[in-house]
PDB file of N, CA and C in Angstrom:
ATOM      1  N   UNK A   1      61.472  52.068  90.258  1.00  0.00           N
ATOM      2  CA  UNK A   1      62.625  52.450  91.049  1.00  0.00           C
ATOM      3  C   UNK A   1      62.769  53.966  90.980  1.00  0.00           C
ATOM      4  N   UNK A   2      62.840  54.605  92.139  1.00  0.00           N
ATOM      5  CA  UNK A   2      62.957  56.049  92.222  1.00  0.00           C
ATOM      6  C   UNK A   2      64.432  56.431  92.317  1.00  0.00           C
ATOM      7  N   UNK A   3      64.930  57.210  91.347  1.00  0.00           N
ATOM      8  CA  UNK A   3      66.347  57.561  91.296  1.00  0.00           C
ATOM      9  C   UNK A   3      66.620  58.982  91.792  1.00  0.00           C
ATOM     10  N   UNK A   4      65.652  59.600  92.468  1.00  0.00           N
ATOM     11  CA  UNK A   4      65.874  60.961  92.951  1.00  0.00           C
ATOM     12  C   UNK A   4      66.741  60.933  94.197  1.00  0.00           C
ATOM     13  N   UNK A   5      67.478  62.011  94.404  1.00  0.00           N
ATOM     14  CA  UNK A   5      68.361  62.133  95.558  1.00  0.00           C
ATOM     15  C   UNK A   5      67.594  62.723  96.726  1.00  0.00           C
ATOM     16  N   UNK A   6      67.644  62.058  97.850  1.00  0.00           N
ATOM     17  CA  UNK A   6      66.963  62.523  99.056  1.00  0.00           C
ATOM     18  C   UNK A   6      68.007  62.919 100.097  1.00  0.00           C
ATOM     19  N   UNK A   7      68.241  64.244 100.311  1.00  0.00           N
ATOM     20  CA  UNK A   7      69.261  64.648 101.273  1.00  0.00           C
ATOM     21  C   UNK A   7      68.960  64.215 102.695  1.00  0.00           C
ATOM     22  N   UNK A   8      67.706  64.020 103.026  1.00  0.00           N
ATOM     23  CA  UNK A   8      67.360  63.566 104.377  1.00  0.00           C
ATOM     24  C   UNK A   8      67.870  62.152 104.624  1.00  0.00           C
ATOM     25  N   UNK A   9      67.965  61.376 103.555  1.00  0.00           N
ATOM     26  CA  UNK A   9      68.453  60.015 103.701  1.00  0.00           C
ATOM     27  C   UNK A   9      69.972  59.983 103.838  1.00  0.00           C
ATOM     28  N   UNK A  10      70.646  61.040 103.402  1.00  0.00           N
ATOM     29  CA  UNK A  10      72.102  61.112 103.459  1.00  0.00           C
ATOM     30  C   UNK A  10      72.504  62.426 104.143  1.00  0.00           C
ATOM     31  N   UNK A  11      72.470  62.476 105.470  1.00  0.00           N
ATOM     32  CA  UNK A  11      72.736  63.743 106.157  1.00  0.00           C
ATOM     33  C   UNK A  11      74.154  64.268 105.932  1.00  0.00           C
ATOM     34  N   UNK A  12      75.110  63.385 105.699  1.00  0.00           N
ATOM     35  CA  UNK A  12      76.470  63.871 105.474  1.00  0.00           C
ATOM     36  C   UNK A  12      76.594  64.526 104.101  1.00  0.00           C
ATOM     37  N   UNK A  13      75.743  64.171 103.156  1.00  0.00           N
ATOM     38  CA  UNK A  13      75.800  64.752 101.821  1.00  0.00           C
ATOM     39  C   UNK A  13      75.079  66.092 101.755  1.00  0.00           C
ATOM     40  N   UNK A  14      74.184  66.339 102.685  1.00  0.00           N
ATOM     41  CA  UNK A  14      73.447  67.609 102.692  1.00  0.00           C
ATOM     42  C   UNK A  14      74.364  68.708 103.221  1.00  0.00           C
ATOM     43  N   UNK A  15      74.289  69.884 102.630  1.00  0.00           N
ATOM     44  CA  UNK A  15      75.139  70.984 103.091  1.00  0.00           C
ATOM     45  C   UNK A  15      74.584  71.519 104.405  1.00  0.00           C
ATOM     46  N   UNK A  16      75.453  71.625 105.372  1.00  0.00           N
ATOM     47  CA  UNK A  16      75.069  72.136 106.680  1.00  0.00           C
ATOM     48  C   UNK A  16      75.377  73.626 106.722  1.00  0.00           C
ATOM     49  N   UNK A  17      74.428  74.476 107.119  1.00  0.00           N
ATOM     50  CA  UNK A  17      74.704  75.913 107.198  1.00  0.00           C
ATOM     51  C   UNK A  17      75.703  76.203 108.321  1.00  0.00           C
ATOM     52  N   UNK A  18      76.484  77.258 108.119  1.00  0.00           N
ATOM     53  CA  UNK A  18      77.445  77.649 109.145  1.00  0.00           C
ATOM     54  C   UNK A  18      76.709  78.185 110.368  1.00  0.00           C
ATOM     55  N   UNK A  19      77.261  77.966 111.537  1.00  0.00           N
ATOM     56  CA  UNK A  19      76.648  78.537 112.739  1.00  0.00           C
ATOM     57  C   UNK A  19      76.621  80.070 112.645  1.00  0.00           C
ATOM     58  N   UNK A  20      75.629  80.657 113.285  1.00  0.00           N
ATOM     59  CA  UNK A  20      75.437  82.115 113.213  1.00  0.00           C
ATOM     60  C   UNK A  20      76.677  82.865 113.702  1.00  0.00           C
ATOM     61  N   UNK A  21      77.296  82.412 114.783  1.00  0.00           N
ATOM     62  CA  UNK A  21      78.477  83.091 115.329  1.00  0.00           C
ATOM     63  C   UNK A  21      79.641  83.049 114.342  1.00  0.00           C
ATOM     64  N   UNK A  22      79.796  81.945 113.638  1.00  0.00           N
ATOM     65  CA  UNK A  22      80.879  81.826 112.663  1.00  0.00           C
ATOM     66  C   UNK A  22      80.640  82.755 111.473  1.00  0.00           C
ATOM     67  N   UNK A  23      79.379  82.867 111.044  1.00  0.00           N
ATOM     68  CA  UNK A  23      79.066  83.793 109.951  1.00  0.00           C
ATOM     69  C   UNK A  23      79.332  85.230 110.364  1.00  0.00           C
ATOM     70  N   UNK A  24      78.939  85.593 111.584  1.00  0.00           N
ATOM     71  CA  UNK A  24      79.191  86.948 112.071  1.00  0.00           C
ATOM     72  C   UNK A  24      80.692  87.219 112.148  1.00  0.00           C
ATOM     73  N   UNK A  25      81.444  86.251 112.631  1.00  0.00           N
ATOM     74  CA  UNK A  25      82.899  86.419 112.743  1.00  0.00           C
ATOM     75  C   UNK A  25      83.534  86.586 111.362  1.00  0.00           C
ATOM     76  N   UNK A  26      83.067  85.833 110.385  1.00  0.00           N
ATOM     77  CA  UNK A  26      83.609  85.938 109.029  1.00  0.00           C
ATOM     78  C   UNK A  26      83.293  87.308 108.431  1.00  0.00           C
ATOM     79  N   UNK A  27      82.053  87.785 108.609  1.00  0.00           N
ATOM     80  CA  UNK A  27      81.683  89.111 108.099  1.00  0.00           C
ATOM     81  C   UNK A  27      82.472  90.202 108.811  1.00  0.00           C
ATOM     82  N   UNK A  28      82.661  90.070 110.104  1.00  0.00           N
ATOM     83  CA  UNK A  28      83.423  91.050 110.864  1.00  0.00           C
ATOM     84  C   UNK A  28      84.875  91.093 110.397  1.00  0.00           C
ATOM     85  N   UNK A  29      85.468  89.944 110.189  1.00  0.00           N
ATOM     86  CA  UNK A  29      86.851  89.875 109.717  1.00  0.00           C
ATOM     87  C   UNK A  29      86.986  90.489 108.322  1.00  0.00           C
ATOM     88  N   UNK A  30      86.051  90.187 107.435  1.00  0.00           N
ATOM     89  CA  UNK A  30      86.091  90.750 106.082  1.00  0.00           C
ATOM     90  C   UNK A  30      85.914  92.265 106.116  1.00  0.00           C
ATOM     91  N   UNK A  31      85.022  92.753 106.963  1.00  0.00           N
ATOM     92  CA  UNK A  31      84.796  94.192 107.078  1.00  0.00           C
ATOM     93  C   UNK A  31      86.028  94.898 107.633  1.00  0.00           C
ATOM     94  N   UNK A  32      86.650  94.326 108.646  1.00  0.00           N
ATOM     95  CA  UNK A  32      87.861  94.924 109.208  1.00  0.00           C
ATOM     96  C   UNK A  32      88.992  94.936 108.190  1.00  0.00           C
ATOM     97  N   UNK A  33      89.133  93.881 107.412  1.00  0.00           N
ATOM     98  CA  UNK A  33      90.174  93.844 106.379  1.00  0.00           C
ATOM     99  C   UNK A  33      89.935  94.930 105.333  1.00  0.00           C
ATOM    100  N   UNK A  34      88.689  95.113 104.920  1.00  0.00           N
ATOM    101  CA  UNK A  34      88.366  96.166 103.944  1.00  0.00           C
ATOM    102  C   UNK A  34      88.644  97.545 104.524  1.00  0.00           C
ATOM    103  N   UNK A  35      88.263  97.776 105.787  1.00  0.00           N
ATOM    104  CA  UNK A  35      88.527  99.075 106.416  1.00  0.00           C
ATOM    105  C   UNK A  35      90.020  99.343 106.527  1.00  0.00           C
ATOM    106  N   UNK A  36      90.804  98.325 106.822  1.00  0.00           N
ATOM    107  CA  UNK A  36      92.256  98.488 106.901  1.00  0.00           C
ATOM    108  C   UNK A  36      92.836  98.870 105.548  1.00  0.00           C
ATOM    109  N   UNK A  37      92.415  98.183 104.499  1.00  0.00           N
ATOM    110  CA  UNK A  37      92.915  98.484 103.157  1.00  0.00           C
ATOM    111  C   UNK A  37      92.489  99.877 102.728  1.00  0.00           C
ATOM    112  N   UNK A  38      91.222 100.217 102.899  1.00  0.00           N
ATOM    113  CA  UNK A  38      90.752 101.548 102.517  1.00  0.00           C
ATOM    114  C   UNK A  38      91.399 102.629 103.376  1.00  0.00           C
ATOM    115  N   UNK A  39      91.690 102.325 104.633  1.00  0.00           N
ATOM    116  CA  UNK A  39      92.362 103.285 105.501  1.00  0.00           C
ATOM    117  C   UNK A  39      93.777 103.590 105.041  1.00  0.00           C
ATOM    118  N   UNK A  40      94.448 102.607 104.443  1.00  0.00           N
ATOM    119  CA  UNK A  40      95.802 102.842 103.948  1.00  0.00           C
ATOM    120  C   UNK A  40      95.825 103.870 102.826  1.00  0.00           C
ATOM    121  N   UNK A  41      94.746 103.979 102.086  1.00  0.00           N
ATOM    122  CA  UNK A  41      94.702 104.946 100.990  1.00  0.00           C
ATOM    123  C   UNK A  41      94.638 106.384 101.488  1.00  0.00           C
ATOM    124  N   UNK A  42      94.389 106.607 102.765  1.00  0.00           N
ATOM    125  CA  UNK A  42      94.374 107.961 103.308  1.00  0.00           C
ATOM    126  C   UNK A  42      95.757 108.382 103.794  1.00  0.00           C
ATOM    127  N   UNK A  43      96.727 107.474 103.756  1.00  0.00           N
ATOM    128  CA  UNK A  43      98.091 107.771 104.198  1.00  0.00           C
ATOM    129  C   UNK A  43      98.912 108.173 102.975  1.00  0.00           C
ATOM    130  N   UNK A  44      99.343 109.436 102.903  1.00  0.00           N
ATOM    131  CA  UNK A  44     100.070 109.892 101.709  1.00  0.00           C
ATOM    132  C   UNK A  44     101.347 109.108 101.421  1.00  0.00           C
ATOM    133  N   UNK A  45     102.108 108.747 102.461  1.00  0.00           N
ATOM    134  CA  UNK A  45     103.348 107.997 102.237  1.00  0.00           C
ATOM    135  C   UNK A  45     103.072 106.635 101.596  1.00  0.00           C
ATOM    136  N   UNK A  46     101.994 106.014 102.004  1.00  0.00           N
ATOM    137  CA  UNK A  46     101.630 104.723 101.413  1.00  0.00           C
ATOM    138  C   UNK A  46     101.287 104.887  99.936  1.00  0.00           C
ATOM    139  N   UNK A  47     100.563 105.960  99.621  1.00  0.00           N
ATOM    140  CA  UNK A  47     100.177 106.185  98.222  1.00  0.00           C
ATOM    141  C   UNK A  47     101.400 106.440  97.350  1.00  0.00           C
ATOM    142  N   UNK A  48     102.379 107.194  97.861  1.00  0.00           N
ATOM    143  CA  UNK A  48     103.610 107.446  97.100  1.00  0.00           C
ATOM    144  C   UNK A  48     104.376 106.146  96.907  1.00  0.00           C
ATOM    145  N   UNK A  49     104.485 105.346  97.965  1.00  0.00           N
ATOM    146  CA  UNK A  49     105.187 104.068  97.866  1.00  0.00           C
ATOM    147  C   UNK A  49     104.495 103.148  96.858  1.00  0.00           C
ATOM    148  N   UNK A  50     103.165 103.100  96.891  1.00  0.00           N
ATOM    149  CA  UNK A  50     102.413 102.271  95.963  1.00  0.00           C
ATOM    150  C   UNK A  50     102.620 102.732  94.524  1.00  0.00           C
ATOM    151  N   UNK A  51     102.599 104.056  94.301  1.00  0.00           N
ATOM    152  CA  UNK A  51     102.829 104.595  92.962  1.00  0.00           C
ATOM    153  C   UNK A  51     104.238 104.273  92.484  1.00  0.00           C
ATOM    154  N   UNK A  52     105.229 104.392  93.375  1.00  0.00           N
ATOM    155  CA  UNK A  52     106.608 104.067  93.001  1.00  0.00           C
ATOM    156  C   UNK A  52     106.755 102.595  92.626  1.00  0.00           C
ATOM    157  N   UNK A  53     106.087 101.720  93.351  1.00  0.00           N
ATOM    158  CA  UNK A  53     106.157 100.288  93.041  1.00  0.00           C
ATOM    159  C   UNK A  53     105.480  99.981  91.725  1.00  0.00           C
ATOM    160  N   UNK A  54     104.374 100.669  91.451  1.00  0.00           N
ATOM    161  CA  UNK A  54     103.685 100.452  90.163  1.00  0.00           C
ATOM    162  C   UNK A  54     104.544 100.914  89.003  1.00  0.00           C
ATOM    163  N   UNK A  55     105.185 102.081  89.133  1.00  0.00           N
ATOM    164  CA  UNK A  55     106.037 102.584  88.058  1.00  0.00           C
ATOM    165  C   UNK A  55     107.266 101.712  87.877  1.00  0.00           C
ATOM    166  N   UNK A  56     107.739 101.068  88.936  1.00  0.00           N
ATOM    167  CA  UNK A  56     108.907 100.205  88.836  1.00  0.00           C
ATOM    168  C   UNK A  56     108.631  98.969  87.977  1.00  0.00           C
ATOM    169  N   UNK A  57     107.360  98.647  87.784  1.00  0.00           N
ATOM    170  CA  UNK A  57     107.000  97.495  86.954  1.00  0.00           C
ATOM    171  C   UNK A  57     107.205  97.772  85.469  1.00  0.00           C
ATOM    172  N   UNK A  58     107.272  99.046  85.077  1.00  0.00           N
ATOM    173  CA  UNK A  58     107.351  99.385  83.646  1.00  0.00           C
ATOM    174  C   UNK A  58     108.737  99.742  83.238  1.00  0.00           C
TER     175      UNK A  58
END
């Protein structure tokens, strides 16, 4: 009796790769989110507000 797992025999158990368009959309969304966050660090008012909030924790 062979007890090995055969993913071809169970297609629902095999991991299906994401479609190419969905992967591109996910990478694009992640890149835009990173650019937005990094862009906020160039705004002096945001940096002062962030520093004030950090100091308020102590």
